């Protein structure tokens, strides 16, 4: 009653089999339900994956393509058409259509690269230009691979393409900048070097190689204080290592400018340098690299030194000009006043004067006229000696002195001077008219400043050599000429003032003029000689000058 009826024709085994089949059917139904859910989940995951892939391609500006080599059909992702400048649906879905988009100058390269990948199994990884429909030129990078069927036959080719225009433009800009920097380095008129933190030179441009005497292959073996440079200051004194630009920058971490020192090379060449050095810092804030500019300022410094000498010479000339104006006015005034005075007397009293008086006044006018003429000649000679070039030759000193005595005959007679000459004169090199002027001044001063009556002795001697001449050179001997007077001598202060422009020994007692000794000094130095004076108060003076001997030239 209440229990399930079981057909009486079923055996227990049959009933067990029936239950097993029912359970299997229920299990399969459950699997089908689960499989359907899994498919739906897989479809959703695939859809999400495709969306993420499409987003990634848009963000990275990458497209993918699938080329059926057998049919020529070309399938691509949505990003391909914007990459090639097309609206959606505007790109021809064939390999030939793709080739039409490739820049004409790059088309054969692309064809050859595809063929090498398909036929020779070479890598397909290329960069080339494409042309958009509006004419815009873009750069793309392509990477692909071939799928092969039975027997290795190529049936499909898959790949990706990415727009690299901005990277290419950046590369080209960087390349232009590098070319510009290289051109600046190669043509820079100053040397440019790089040093590491150990002071090792790691780079030098062509000018730095020239200035520093560096060989390109040996740059890495040189340091900032290489002993081969013999670093000194401009005057040749040792230059402290701590004052070199590298050490100063390493110590302070700050740039240094216009550090000046010299380097001397084994061949004797000496170069004056001006160096600027600045640090480049690493991530940790330490000095990693130093960049230096190295300028050869030898010629500039030589020019500056020449300018300084020229400025000093101009200053001296200006001082001489001031003294010249004063002296000319003062020293010409006296004889000129006498000439005018005598002339006025003659004009008024000529008719009543005796022949003797007329001769006296005429002689006075003549003497003072010659004195003025001599002053003017000396002024002109003094102004011209500095620039003039004279022909130096062996001198007939006896003839020169005779001419001097003729020029000073009035002075000699006026002071009743005794002139003592040597029996012979040694030969010296000089320019006759100039040397004559030296003797005139020395002899004139000796007579005027000598004793009463003046006794003046002239002489000469060959000076012994203090430095042996080099082999193949002349003896280098000098001849000293002198004038000794019997005057009252000179004080130490007076000797210090001698040979300065326009200085007279006694501006009150003797009516001389102040051109002579400055002229003597200029002439003698121009002839490679020296002037000198020996004197003690009460013992007279010896004025001298030297000239090169005949074998000095």
Protein backbone atom coordinates (compact mmCIF):
# COMPACT_ATOMS: atom_id res chain seq x y z
CA UNK A 1 0.00 0.00 0.00
CA UNK A 2 1.87 3.34 0.13
CA UNK A 3 5.02 2.00 -1.65
CA UNK A 4 5.96 2.51 -5.32
CA UNK A 5 4.75 -0.32 -7.46
CA UNK A 6 7.43 -2.12 -9.37
CA UNK A 7 6.66 -4.05 -12.49
CA UNK A 8 6.99 -7.61 -11.63
CA UNK A 9 8.88 -8.37 -14.85
CA UNK A 10 11.94 -6.18 -13.79
CA UNK A 11 14.74 -7.87 -12.07
CA UNK A 12 16.79 -6.16 -9.37
CA UNK A 13 19.74 -5.75 -11.75
CA UNK A 14 17.56 -4.05 -14.30
CA UNK A 15 16.27 -1.68 -11.71
CA UNK A 16 19.80 -0.77 -10.65
CA UNK A 17 20.84 -0.06 -14.25
CA UNK A 18 17.78 2.13 -14.72
CA UNK A 19 18.68 4.21 -11.67
CA UNK A 20 22.28 4.59 -12.91
CA UNK A 21 21.07 5.90 -16.29
CA UNK A 22 18.73 8.38 -14.66
CA UNK A 23 21.59 9.72 -12.52
CA UNK A 24 23.87 10.03 -15.59
CA UNK A 25 21.16 11.96 -17.44
CA UNK A 26 20.75 14.33 -14.54
CA UNK A 27 24.58 14.85 -14.42
CA UNK A 28 24.71 15.62 -18.14
CA UNK A 29 21.89 18.08 -17.80
CA UNK A 30 23.84 19.83 -15.06
CA UNK A 31 27.01 19.87 -17.23
CA UNK A 32 25.08 21.35 -20.16
CA UNK A 33 23.70 24.07 -17.93
CA UNK A 34 27.18 24.78 -16.54
CA UNK A 35 28.74 24.74 -20.03
CA UNK A 36 26.20 27.25 -21.29
CA UNK A 37 27.03 29.54 -18.40
CA UNK A 38 30.75 29.12 -19.06
CA UNK A 39 30.28 29.97 -22.72
CA UNK A 40 28.42 33.08 -21.81
CA UNK A 41 31.22 34.01 -19.40
CA UNK A 42 33.87 33.26 -22.03
CA UNK A 43 32.04 35.33 -24.60
CA UNK A 44 31.85 38.21 -22.14
CA UNK A 45 35.53 37.87 -21.26
CA UNK A 46 36.43 37.77 -24.93
CA UNK A 47 34.39 40.87 -25.57
CA UNK A 48 36.06 42.69 -22.68
CA UNK A 49 39.46 41.53 -23.88
CA UNK A 50 38.78 42.78 -27.38
CA UNK A 51 37.64 46.12 -26.01
CA UNK A 52 40.75 46.41 -23.85
CA UNK A 53 42.92 45.42 -26.83
CA UNK A 54 41.25 48.04 -29.04
CA UNK A 55 41.69 50.67 -26.31
CA UNK A 56 45.33 49.74 -25.91
CA UNK A 57 45.86 50.06 -29.64
CA UNK A 58 44.25 53.49 -29.70
CA UNK A 59 46.27 54.70 -26.72
CA UNK A 60 49.55 53.34 -28.10
CA UNK A 61 48.63 54.38 -31.64
CA UNK A 62 49.14 50.76 -32.74
CA UNK A 63 47.17 48.74 -35.25
CA UNK A 64 47.27 45.04 -36.14
CA UNK A 65 46.84 43.38 -39.48
CA UNK A 66 46.33 39.87 -40.90
CA UNK A 67 47.29 39.27 -44.50
CA UNK A 68 46.05 36.16 -46.32
CA UNK A 69 48.97 35.54 -48.61
CA UNK A 70 47.03 33.04 -50.77
CA UNK A 71 44.01 35.31 -51.48
CA UNK A 72 45.66 38.73 -50.98
CA UNK A 73 42.93 39.75 -48.54
CA UNK A 74 44.07 42.04 -45.75
CA UNK A 75 42.27 42.28 -42.43
CA UNK A 76 43.10 44.98 -39.91
CA UNK A 77 42.10 46.34 -36.58
CA UNK A 78 40.05 49.49 -36.18
CA UNK A 79 43.13 51.59 -35.44
CA UNK A 80 44.78 50.88 -38.81
CA UNK A 81 42.65 53.28 -40.84
CA UNK A 82 43.27 56.35 -38.60
CA UNK A 83 46.97 55.45 -38.62
CA UNK A 84 46.98 55.70 -42.40
CA UNK A 85 44.85 58.88 -42.49
CA UNK A 86 41.58 57.24 -43.64
CA UNK A 87 38.05 57.63 -42.43
CA UNK A 88 36.41 54.41 -41.23
CA UNK A 89 35.85 52.17 -44.25
CA UNK A 90 38.06 54.20 -46.57
CA UNK A 91 41.10 51.86 -46.63
CA UNK A 92 41.31 49.32 -49.43
CA UNK A 93 41.49 45.85 -47.90
CA UNK A 94 44.31 44.54 -50.10
CA UNK A 95 48.07 44.26 -49.97
CA UNK A 96 48.29 46.43 -53.09
CA UNK A 97 46.15 49.06 -51.41
CA UNK A 98 48.58 49.06 -48.45
CA UNK A 99 51.57 49.52 -50.81
CA UNK A 100 49.90 52.55 -52.40
CA UNK A 101 49.98 54.20 -48.97
CA UNK A 102 53.74 53.68 -48.62
CA UNK A 103 55.96 56.66 -49.55
CA UNK A 104 57.22 56.17 -53.13
CA UNK A 105 60.85 56.40 -52.00
CA UNK A 106 60.31 53.65 -49.38
CA UNK A 107 57.98 51.36 -51.37
CA UNK A 108 60.63 49.06 -52.84
CA UNK A 109 62.27 48.72 -49.44
CA UNK A 110 58.95 47.54 -47.94
CA UNK A 111 58.33 45.09 -50.81
CA UNK A 112 61.84 43.65 -50.46
CA UNK A 113 61.46 43.34 -46.68
CA UNK A 114 58.13 41.49 -46.97
CA UNK A 115 59.57 39.17 -49.63
CA UNK A 116 62.63 38.43 -47.44
CA UNK A 117 60.35 37.50 -44.53
CA UNK A 118 58.02 35.32 -46.62
CA UNK A 119 60.61 33.63 -48.82
CA UNK A 120 63.72 33.60 -46.64
CA UNK A 121 62.15 33.55 -43.18
CA UNK A 122 64.00 36.76 -42.21
CA UNK A 123 62.74 39.06 -39.47
CA UNK A 124 60.20 41.65 -40.49
CA UNK A 125 60.98 44.68 -38.35
CA UNK A 126 61.15 47.87 -40.40
CA UNK A 127 60.50 51.61 -40.28
CA UNK A 128 59.21 53.53 -43.28
CA UNK A 129 57.17 56.50 -44.33
CA UNK A 130 53.54 56.54 -45.41
CA UNK A 131 51.59 59.26 -47.20
CA UNK A 132 48.12 60.15 -46.02
CA UNK A 133 45.40 60.97 -48.56
CA UNK A 134 45.84 64.68 -47.74
CA UNK A 135 49.59 64.46 -48.52
CA UNK A 136 50.81 64.38 -44.92
CA UNK A 137 53.92 62.26 -44.51
CA UNK A 138 54.11 60.08 -41.40
CA UNK A 139 56.54 57.50 -40.07
CA UNK A 140 55.47 53.99 -38.99
CA UNK A 141 57.19 50.99 -37.46
CA UNK A 142 56.10 47.51 -38.54
CA UNK A 143 56.78 44.11 -37.01
CA UNK A 144 55.42 40.89 -38.43
CA UNK A 145 55.74 37.12 -38.72
CA UNK A 146 54.71 34.45 -41.21
CA UNK A 147 52.42 31.48 -40.50
CA UNK A 148 53.32 28.49 -42.62
CA UNK A 149 51.31 25.45 -43.61
CA UNK A 150 52.36 22.00 -44.68
CA UNK A 151 55.78 21.88 -46.26
CA UNK A 152 56.62 25.31 -44.82
CA UNK A 153 54.48 27.13 -47.35
CA UNK A 154 53.64 30.71 -46.24
CA UNK A 155 49.89 31.09 -45.94
CA UNK A 156 49.39 34.08 -43.65
CA UNK A 157 51.38 37.01 -42.31
CA UNK A 158 50.43 38.74 -39.07
CA UNK A 159 51.82 41.98 -37.79
CA UNK A 160 51.44 45.23 -35.95
CA UNK A 161 52.08 48.80 -37.07
CA UNK A 162 52.75 51.82 -34.87
CA UNK A 163 52.94 55.54 -35.68
CA UNK A 164 56.46 56.74 -34.71
CA UNK A 165 56.35 60.18 -36.34
CA UNK A 166 56.94 62.10 -33.11
CA UNK A 167 59.84 59.85 -32.16
CA UNK A 168 61.37 60.26 -35.62
CA UNK A 169 60.97 64.02 -35.44
CA UNK A 170 62.60 64.01 -32.01
CA UNK A 171 65.41 61.79 -33.35
CA UNK A 172 65.95 64.10 -36.31
CA UNK A 173 65.95 67.17 -34.04
CA UNK A 174 68.42 65.43 -31.72
CA UNK A 175 70.56 64.45 -34.71
CA UNK A 176 70.55 68.04 -35.95
CA UNK A 177 71.51 69.26 -32.49
CA UNK A 178 74.30 66.71 -32.31
CA UNK A 179 75.52 67.75 -35.75
CA UNK A 180 75.36 71.38 -34.65
CA UNK A 181 77.28 70.64 -31.44
CA UNK A 182 79.82 68.61 -33.41
CA UNK A 183 80.19 71.45 -35.91
CA UNK A 184 80.61 73.98 -33.09
CA UNK A 185 83.19 71.72 -31.45
CA UNK A 186 85.09 71.22 -34.71
CA UNK A 187 85.11 74.90 -35.67
CA UNK A 188 85.36 76.52 -32.23
CA UNK A 189 88.25 79.00 -32.02
CA UNK A 190 88.75 77.96 -28.38
CA UNK A 191 89.60 74.53 -27.05
CA UNK A 192 86.90 72.53 -25.28
CA UNK A 193 87.70 69.63 -22.97
CA UNK A 194 85.84 67.26 -20.66
CA UNK A 195 87.37 65.75 -17.52
CA UNK A 196 86.06 63.12 -15.15
CA UNK A 197 86.16 63.54 -11.38
CA UNK A 198 89.66 62.01 -11.29
CA UNK A 199 90.99 64.82 -13.49
CA UNK A 200 91.35 62.52 -16.51
CA UNK A 201 90.72 64.20 -19.87
CA UNK A 202 87.99 62.25 -21.66
CA UNK A 203 87.34 64.55 -24.62
CA UNK A 204 89.11 67.35 -26.44
CA UNK A 205 87.99 69.11 -29.59
CA UNK A 206 90.37 69.83 -32.46
CA UNK A 207 91.36 73.25 -31.14
CA UNK A 208 92.09 71.86 -27.66
CA UNK A 209 94.26 69.15 -29.22
CA UNK A 210 96.19 71.87 -31.04
CA UNK A 211 96.55 74.22 -28.07
CA UNK A 212 97.41 71.53 -25.53
CA UNK A 213 99.54 69.43 -27.86
CA UNK A 214 97.26 66.41 -27.47
CA UNK A 215 97.13 63.41 -29.78
CA UNK A 216 93.58 62.09 -30.18
CA UNK A 217 94.59 58.53 -29.44
CA UNK A 218 96.38 59.61 -26.26
CA UNK A 219 93.76 61.90 -24.75
CA UNK A 220 92.59 59.38 -22.17
CA UNK A 221 96.10 59.10 -20.73
CA UNK A 222 96.46 62.82 -19.90
CA UNK A 223 95.37 64.52 -16.68
CA UNK A 224 94.74 68.15 -15.85
CA UNK A 225 98.22 68.58 -14.32
CA UNK A 226 100.23 66.36 -16.64
CA UNK A 227 103.97 66.95 -15.98
CA UNK A 228 104.58 67.12 -19.72
CA UNK A 229 102.93 70.54 -19.80
CA UNK A 230 105.42 72.21 -17.40
CA UNK A 231 102.70 74.50 -16.02
CA UNK A 232 103.89 77.93 -14.85
CA UNK A 233 102.45 81.39 -14.41
CA UNK A 234 102.86 83.92 -17.21
CA UNK A 235 106.23 84.99 -15.80
CA UNK A 236 107.61 81.45 -15.72
CA UNK A 237 107.19 80.83 -11.98
CA UNK A 238 105.75 77.51 -10.67
CA UNK A 239 101.94 77.47 -10.65
CA UNK A 240 100.40 75.93 -7.47
CA UNK A 241 98.41 72.76 -8.17
CA UNK A 242 95.61 73.91 -5.87
CA UNK A 243 95.13 76.99 -8.04
CA UNK A 244 94.51 74.98 -11.22
CA UNK A 245 90.87 75.08 -12.44
CA UNK A 246 90.21 71.38 -11.75
CA UNK A 247 91.25 71.61 -8.11
CA UNK A 248 89.36 74.84 -7.50
CA UNK A 249 86.13 73.45 -8.96
CA UNK A 250 86.47 70.17 -7.04
CA UNK A 251 87.02 72.14 -3.84
CA UNK A 252 84.23 74.68 -4.22
CA UNK A 253 81.79 73.04 -6.63
CA UNK A 254 81.52 76.36 -8.42
CA UNK A 255 82.69 77.49 -11.88
CA UNK A 256 85.95 79.41 -12.25
CA UNK A 257 86.72 81.92 -14.96
CA UNK A 258 89.82 83.28 -16.69
CA UNK A 259 92.35 81.21 -14.79
CA UNK A 260 95.64 82.18 -16.41
CA UNK A 261 98.76 80.06 -16.64
CA UNK A 262 101.29 78.99 -19.23
CA UNK A 263 102.32 75.59 -20.57
CA UNK A 264 105.67 74.78 -22.10
CA UNK A 265 106.26 71.90 -24.49
CA UNK A 266 109.40 69.83 -25.02
CA UNK A 267 110.10 71.67 -28.27
CA UNK A 268 110.39 74.94 -26.32
CA UNK A 269 107.08 76.35 -27.50
CA UNK A 270 105.41 78.32 -24.70
CA UNK A 271 101.69 79.08 -24.75
CA UNK A 272 99.75 81.45 -22.49
CA UNK A 273 96.30 80.10 -21.62
CA UNK A 274 93.04 81.47 -20.25
CA UNK A 275 90.77 78.71 -18.86
CA UNK A 276 87.12 78.62 -17.77
CA UNK A 277 85.84 75.47 -16.03
CA UNK A 278 82.35 74.52 -14.85
CA UNK A 279 81.10 71.39 -13.03
CA UNK A 280 78.36 68.99 -14.15
CA UNK A 281 76.71 67.20 -11.23
CA UNK A 282 75.54 63.60 -10.92
CA UNK A 283 72.31 62.32 -9.37
CA UNK A 284 73.87 62.24 -5.91
CA UNK A 285 74.90 65.89 -6.22
CA UNK A 286 78.61 65.20 -6.63
CA UNK A 287 80.79 66.61 -9.41
CA UNK A 288 80.86 63.97 -12.14
CA UNK A 289 82.23 65.85 -15.14
CA UNK A 290 83.95 69.17 -15.76
CA UNK A 291 83.75 71.08 -19.01
CA UNK A 292 86.50 73.59 -19.77
CA UNK A 293 87.19 76.15 -22.45
CA UNK A 294 90.88 76.62 -23.14
CA UNK A 295 91.96 79.72 -25.07
CA UNK A 296 95.43 80.43 -26.40
CA UNK A 297 95.93 84.09 -25.49
CA UNK A 298 99.63 84.24 -26.33
CA UNK A 299 99.25 86.62 -29.26
CA UNK A 300 96.68 88.70 -27.39
CA UNK A 301 98.94 89.03 -24.36
CA UNK A 302 101.86 89.90 -26.59
CA UNK A 303 99.69 92.52 -28.28
CA UNK A 304 98.58 93.83 -24.87
CA UNK A 305 102.19 94.00 -23.75
CA UNK A 306 103.08 95.86 -26.93
CA UNK A 307 100.18 98.24 -26.24
CA UNK A 308 101.37 98.74 -22.68
CA UNK A 309 104.87 99.51 -23.93
CA UNK A 310 103.43 101.81 -26.55
CA UNK A 311 101.27 103.57 -23.94
CA UNK A 312 104.32 103.99 -21.70
CA UNK A 313 106.27 105.31 -24.66
CA UNK A 314 103.47 107.74 -25.50
CA UNK A 315 103.40 108.89 -21.89
CA UNK A 316 107.14 109.40 -21.99
CA UNK A 317 106.83 111.29 -25.25
CA UNK A 318 104.13 113.49 -23.80
CA UNK A 319 106.36 114.24 -20.85
CA UNK A 320 109.20 114.98 -23.26
CA UNK A 321 106.88 117.18 -25.30
CA UNK A 322 105.97 119.20 -22.23
CA UNK A 323 109.64 119.53 -21.34
CA UNK A 324 110.45 120.26 -24.97
CA UNK A 325 108.01 123.17 -25.07
CA UNK A 326 109.41 124.58 -21.84
CA UNK A 327 113.03 124.11 -22.90
CA UNK A 328 112.53 125.44 -26.40
CA UNK A 329 110.88 128.56 -25.06
CA UNK A 330 113.51 129.05 -22.36
CA UNK A 331 116.68 128.10 -24.22
CA UNK A 332 115.84 129.85 -27.46
CA UNK A 333 114.75 132.98 -25.65
CA UNK A 334 118.23 133.98 -24.45
CA UNK A 335 120.14 133.84 -27.77
CA UNK A 336 117.15 135.19 -29.62
CA UNK A 337 116.93 138.09 -27.20
CA UNK A 338 120.62 138.82 -27.71
CA UNK A 339 120.27 138.73 -31.49
CA UNK A 340 117.32 141.11 -31.34
CA UNK A 341 119.12 143.38 -28.88
CA UNK A 342 122.32 143.59 -30.93
CA UNK A 343 120.30 144.11 -34.10
CA UNK A 344 118.37 146.99 -32.48
CA UNK A 345 121.64 148.62 -31.38
CA UNK A 346 123.06 148.32 -34.87
CA UNK A 347 119.89 149.76 -36.31
CA UNK A 348 120.04 152.84 -34.10
CA UNK A 349 123.80 153.44 -33.81
CA UNK A 350 125.23 151.94 -36.98
CA UNK A 351 126.29 155.31 -38.37
CA UNK A 352 128.35 156.30 -35.33
CA UNK A 353 129.95 152.90 -34.57
CA UNK A 354 133.58 152.16 -35.19
CA UNK A 355 134.57 149.20 -37.39
CA UNK A 356 135.70 147.33 -34.28
CA UNK A 357 132.31 147.79 -32.60
CA UNK A 358 130.48 146.75 -35.74
CA UNK A 359 132.56 143.58 -35.94
CA UNK A 360 131.94 142.82 -32.27
CA UNK A 361 128.16 143.15 -32.62
CA UNK A 362 128.12 141.18 -35.87
CA UNK A 363 130.15 138.39 -34.27
CA UNK A 364 127.75 138.28 -31.31
CA UNK A 365 124.75 138.07 -33.63
CA UNK A 366 126.46 135.29 -35.61
CA UNK A 367 127.40 133.28 -32.50
CA UNK A 368 123.92 133.49 -31.02
CA UNK A 369 122.38 132.64 -34.39
CA UNK A 370 124.53 129.50 -34.59
CA UNK A 371 123.55 128.66 -31.02
CA UNK A 372 119.84 128.89 -31.92
CA UNK A 373 120.44 126.84 -35.06
CA UNK A 374 122.19 124.16 -33.00
CA UNK A 375 119.33 124.06 -30.50
CA UNK A 376 116.84 123.60 -33.34
CA UNK A 377 118.99 120.91 -34.97
CA UNK A 378 119.22 119.04 -31.67
CA UNK A 379 115.48 119.27 -31.14
CA UNK A 380 114.87 117.81 -34.58
CA UNK A 381 117.47 115.10 -34.05
CA UNK A 382 116.07 114.22 -30.62
CA UNK A 383 112.58 113.88 -32.09
CA UNK A 384 113.76 111.79 -35.03
CA UNK A 385 116.26 109.38 -33.48
CA UNK A 386 113.55 107.16 -31.96
CA UNK A 387 112.10 106.20 -35.36
CA UNK A 388 115.11 106.74 -37.59
CA UNK A 389 117.18 103.85 -38.94
CA UNK A 390 120.85 104.63 -39.49
CA UNK A 391 123.45 102.76 -41.50
CA UNK A 392 125.98 101.45 -38.99
CA UNK A 393 129.57 101.19 -40.23
CA UNK A 394 133.15 101.44 -38.92
CA UNK A 395 133.85 105.00 -37.80
CA UNK A 396 136.85 107.26 -38.47
CA UNK A 397 136.71 108.61 -34.93
CA UNK A 398 139.69 110.93 -35.48
CA UNK A 399 137.84 112.66 -38.33
CA UNK A 400 134.63 112.84 -36.30
CA UNK A 401 136.42 114.56 -33.38
CA UNK A 402 138.11 117.06 -35.72
CA UNK A 403 134.69 118.02 -37.09
CA UNK A 404 133.40 118.42 -33.53
CA UNK A 405 136.21 120.80 -32.66
CA UNK A 406 135.42 122.87 -35.73
CA UNK A 407 131.78 123.16 -34.64
CA UNK A 408 132.79 124.25 -31.12
CA UNK A 409 135.62 126.59 -32.11
CA UNK A 410 133.80 129.65 -30.72
CA UNK A 411 133.18 127.92 -27.35
CA UNK A 412 136.77 126.66 -27.17
CA UNK A 413 138.16 130.13 -27.91
CA UNK A 414 135.71 131.85 -25.58
CA UNK A 415 136.71 129.68 -22.59
CA UNK A 416 140.36 129.25 -23.61
CA UNK A 417 139.87 125.49 -23.23
CA UNK A 418 142.72 122.98 -23.53
CA UNK A 419 141.69 119.87 -25.50
CA UNK A 420 143.84 116.74 -25.05
CA UNK A 421 143.42 113.96 -27.65
CA UNK A 422 144.80 110.40 -27.79
CA UNK A 423 147.41 109.40 -30.36
CA UNK A 424 145.01 106.92 -31.97
CA UNK A 425 141.42 105.78 -31.74
CA UNK A 426 140.10 102.18 -31.67
CA UNK A 427 137.60 101.33 -34.37
CA UNK A 428 133.94 101.14 -33.42
CA UNK A 429 130.64 100.74 -35.26
CA UNK A 430 128.18 103.61 -35.44
CA UNK A 431 126.56 106.30 -37.53
CA UNK A 432 128.88 109.27 -38.02
CA UNK A 433 126.43 112.22 -37.80
CA UNK A 434 124.88 110.83 -34.60
CA UNK A 435 128.19 110.03 -32.91
CA UNK A 436 129.42 113.52 -33.81
CA UNK A 437 126.42 114.94 -31.94
CA UNK A 438 127.35 112.85 -28.87
CA UNK A 439 130.89 114.25 -28.86
CA UNK A 440 129.59 117.80 -29.37
CA UNK A 441 127.39 117.56 -26.29
CA UNK A 442 129.99 115.90 -24.08
CA UNK A 443 132.76 118.31 -25.13
CA UNK A 444 130.51 121.37 -24.89
CA UNK A 445 129.42 120.42 -21.35
CA UNK A 446 133.01 119.63 -20.32
CA UNK A 447 134.13 123.08 -21.42
CA UNK A 448 131.21 124.92 -19.84
CA UNK A 449 131.17 122.98 -16.59
CA UNK A 450 134.94 122.38 -16.36
CA UNK A 451 137.51 124.29 -14.38
CA UNK A 452 138.82 127.72 -15.15
CA UNK A 453 140.47 127.46 -17.56
CA UNK A 454 138.93 124.17 -18.61
CA UNK A 455 141.16 121.22 -19.43
CA UNK A 456 139.32 118.50 -21.31
CA UNK A 457 140.81 115.09 -22.08
CA UNK A 458 139.28 112.67 -24.63
CA UNK A 459 140.12 108.98 -24.80
CA UNK A 460 138.95 105.44 -25.55
CA UNK A 461 139.49 101.84 -24.48
CA UNK A 462 138.38 98.37 -25.56
CA UNK A 463 136.32 96.76 -22.82
CA UNK A 464 137.07 93.16 -21.78
CA UNK A 465 134.39 90.58 -22.57
CA UNK A 466 132.24 89.63 -19.59
CA UNK A 467 130.39 86.83 -21.43
CA UNK A 468 132.16 84.58 -23.97
CA UNK A 469 130.50 84.74 -27.39
CA UNK A 470 128.64 81.76 -28.74
CA UNK A 471 130.35 79.57 -31.30
CA UNK A 472 130.22 81.10 -34.75
CA UNK A 473 129.48 84.60 -33.43
CA UNK A 474 131.77 87.63 -33.34
CA UNK A 475 133.75 88.62 -30.29
CA UNK A 476 130.97 90.91 -29.16
CA UNK A 477 133.47 93.49 -27.83
CA UNK A 478 132.49 97.04 -26.90
CA UNK A 479 134.56 100.23 -27.14
CA UNK A 480 134.26 102.85 -24.42
CA UNK A 481 134.81 106.52 -25.32
CA UNK A 482 135.13 109.17 -22.62
CA UNK A 483 135.56 112.86 -21.86
CA UNK A 484 137.28 113.92 -18.62
CA UNK A 485 136.95 117.48 -17.29
CA UNK A 486 138.57 119.35 -14.39
CA UNK A 487 135.36 120.83 -13.06
CA UNK A 488 133.86 120.79 -9.59
CA UNK A 489 132.26 117.36 -10.04
CA UNK A 490 128.69 116.27 -9.43
CA UNK A 491 126.60 115.41 -6.39
CA UNK A 492 124.83 112.04 -6.18
CA UNK A 493 121.52 113.80 -6.80
CA UNK A 494 122.86 115.50 -9.91
CA UNK A 495 124.14 112.19 -11.29
CA UNK A 496 120.67 110.66 -10.81
CA UNK A 497 119.13 113.42 -12.89
CA UNK A 498 121.62 113.14 -15.73
CA UNK A 499 120.48 111.94 -19.15
CA UNK A 500 116.84 112.69 -18.35
CA UNK A 501 115.07 114.74 -21.01
CA UNK A 502 116.04 118.41 -21.00
CA UNK A 503 118.08 118.40 -17.78
CA UNK A 504 121.00 120.82 -17.41
CA UNK A 505 123.80 120.41 -14.92
CA UNK A 506 123.62 123.98 -13.73
CA UNK A 507 120.66 125.99 -14.86
CA UNK A 508 121.84 129.20 -13.25
CA UNK A 509 125.61 129.46 -13.35
CA UNK A 510 125.98 128.23 -16.95
CA UNK A 511 123.79 129.38 -19.79
CA UNK A 512 123.58 125.98 -21.41
CA UNK A 513 120.49 124.27 -22.71
CA UNK A 514 118.85 121.04 -21.55
CA UNK A 515 118.69 119.01 -24.74
CA UNK A 516 122.16 117.55 -24.90
CA UNK A 517 122.41 114.64 -22.50
CA UNK A 518 118.92 113.29 -23.25
CA UNK A 519 119.85 113.34 -26.92
CA UNK A 520 123.15 111.58 -26.15
CA UNK A 521 121.38 108.79 -24.30
CA UNK A 522 118.83 108.25 -27.04
CA UNK A 523 121.49 108.15 -29.77
CA UNK A 524 123.83 105.78 -27.91
CA UNK A 525 121.06 103.34 -26.98
CA UNK A 526 119.85 103.39 -30.56
CA UNK A 527 123.37 102.32 -31.57
CA UNK A 528 123.29 99.42 -29.02
CA UNK A 529 125.55 101.21 -26.56
CA UNK A 530 125.27 102.71 -23.08
CA UNK A 531 125.99 106.07 -21.50
CA UNK A 532 127.74 106.53 -18.17
CA UNK A 533 129.21 109.05 -15.74
CA UNK A 534 131.83 108.91 -12.99
CA UNK A 535 132.17 111.90 -10.73
CA UNK A 536 133.08 113.05 -7.25
CA UNK A 537 132.63 116.53 -5.86
CA UNK A 538 135.84 118.50 -6.28
CA UNK A 539 137.48 115.92 -8.57
CA UNK A 540 135.87 116.55 -11.92
CA UNK A 541 133.75 114.20 -14.03
CA UNK A 542 134.15 111.54 -16.70
CA UNK A 543 131.30 111.20 -19.17
CA UNK A 544 131.40 108.09 -21.36
CA UNK A 545 129.54 106.14 -24.00
CA UNK A 546 130.06 102.71 -25.53
CA UNK A 547 129.71 101.47 -29.07
CA UNK A 548 130.02 97.97 -30.55
CA UNK A 549 133.48 96.98 -31.72
CA UNK A 550 134.13 96.11 -35.37
CA UNK A 551 133.74 92.36 -34.79
CA UNK A 552 130.54 92.64 -32.79
CA UNK A 553 128.48 92.67 -35.94
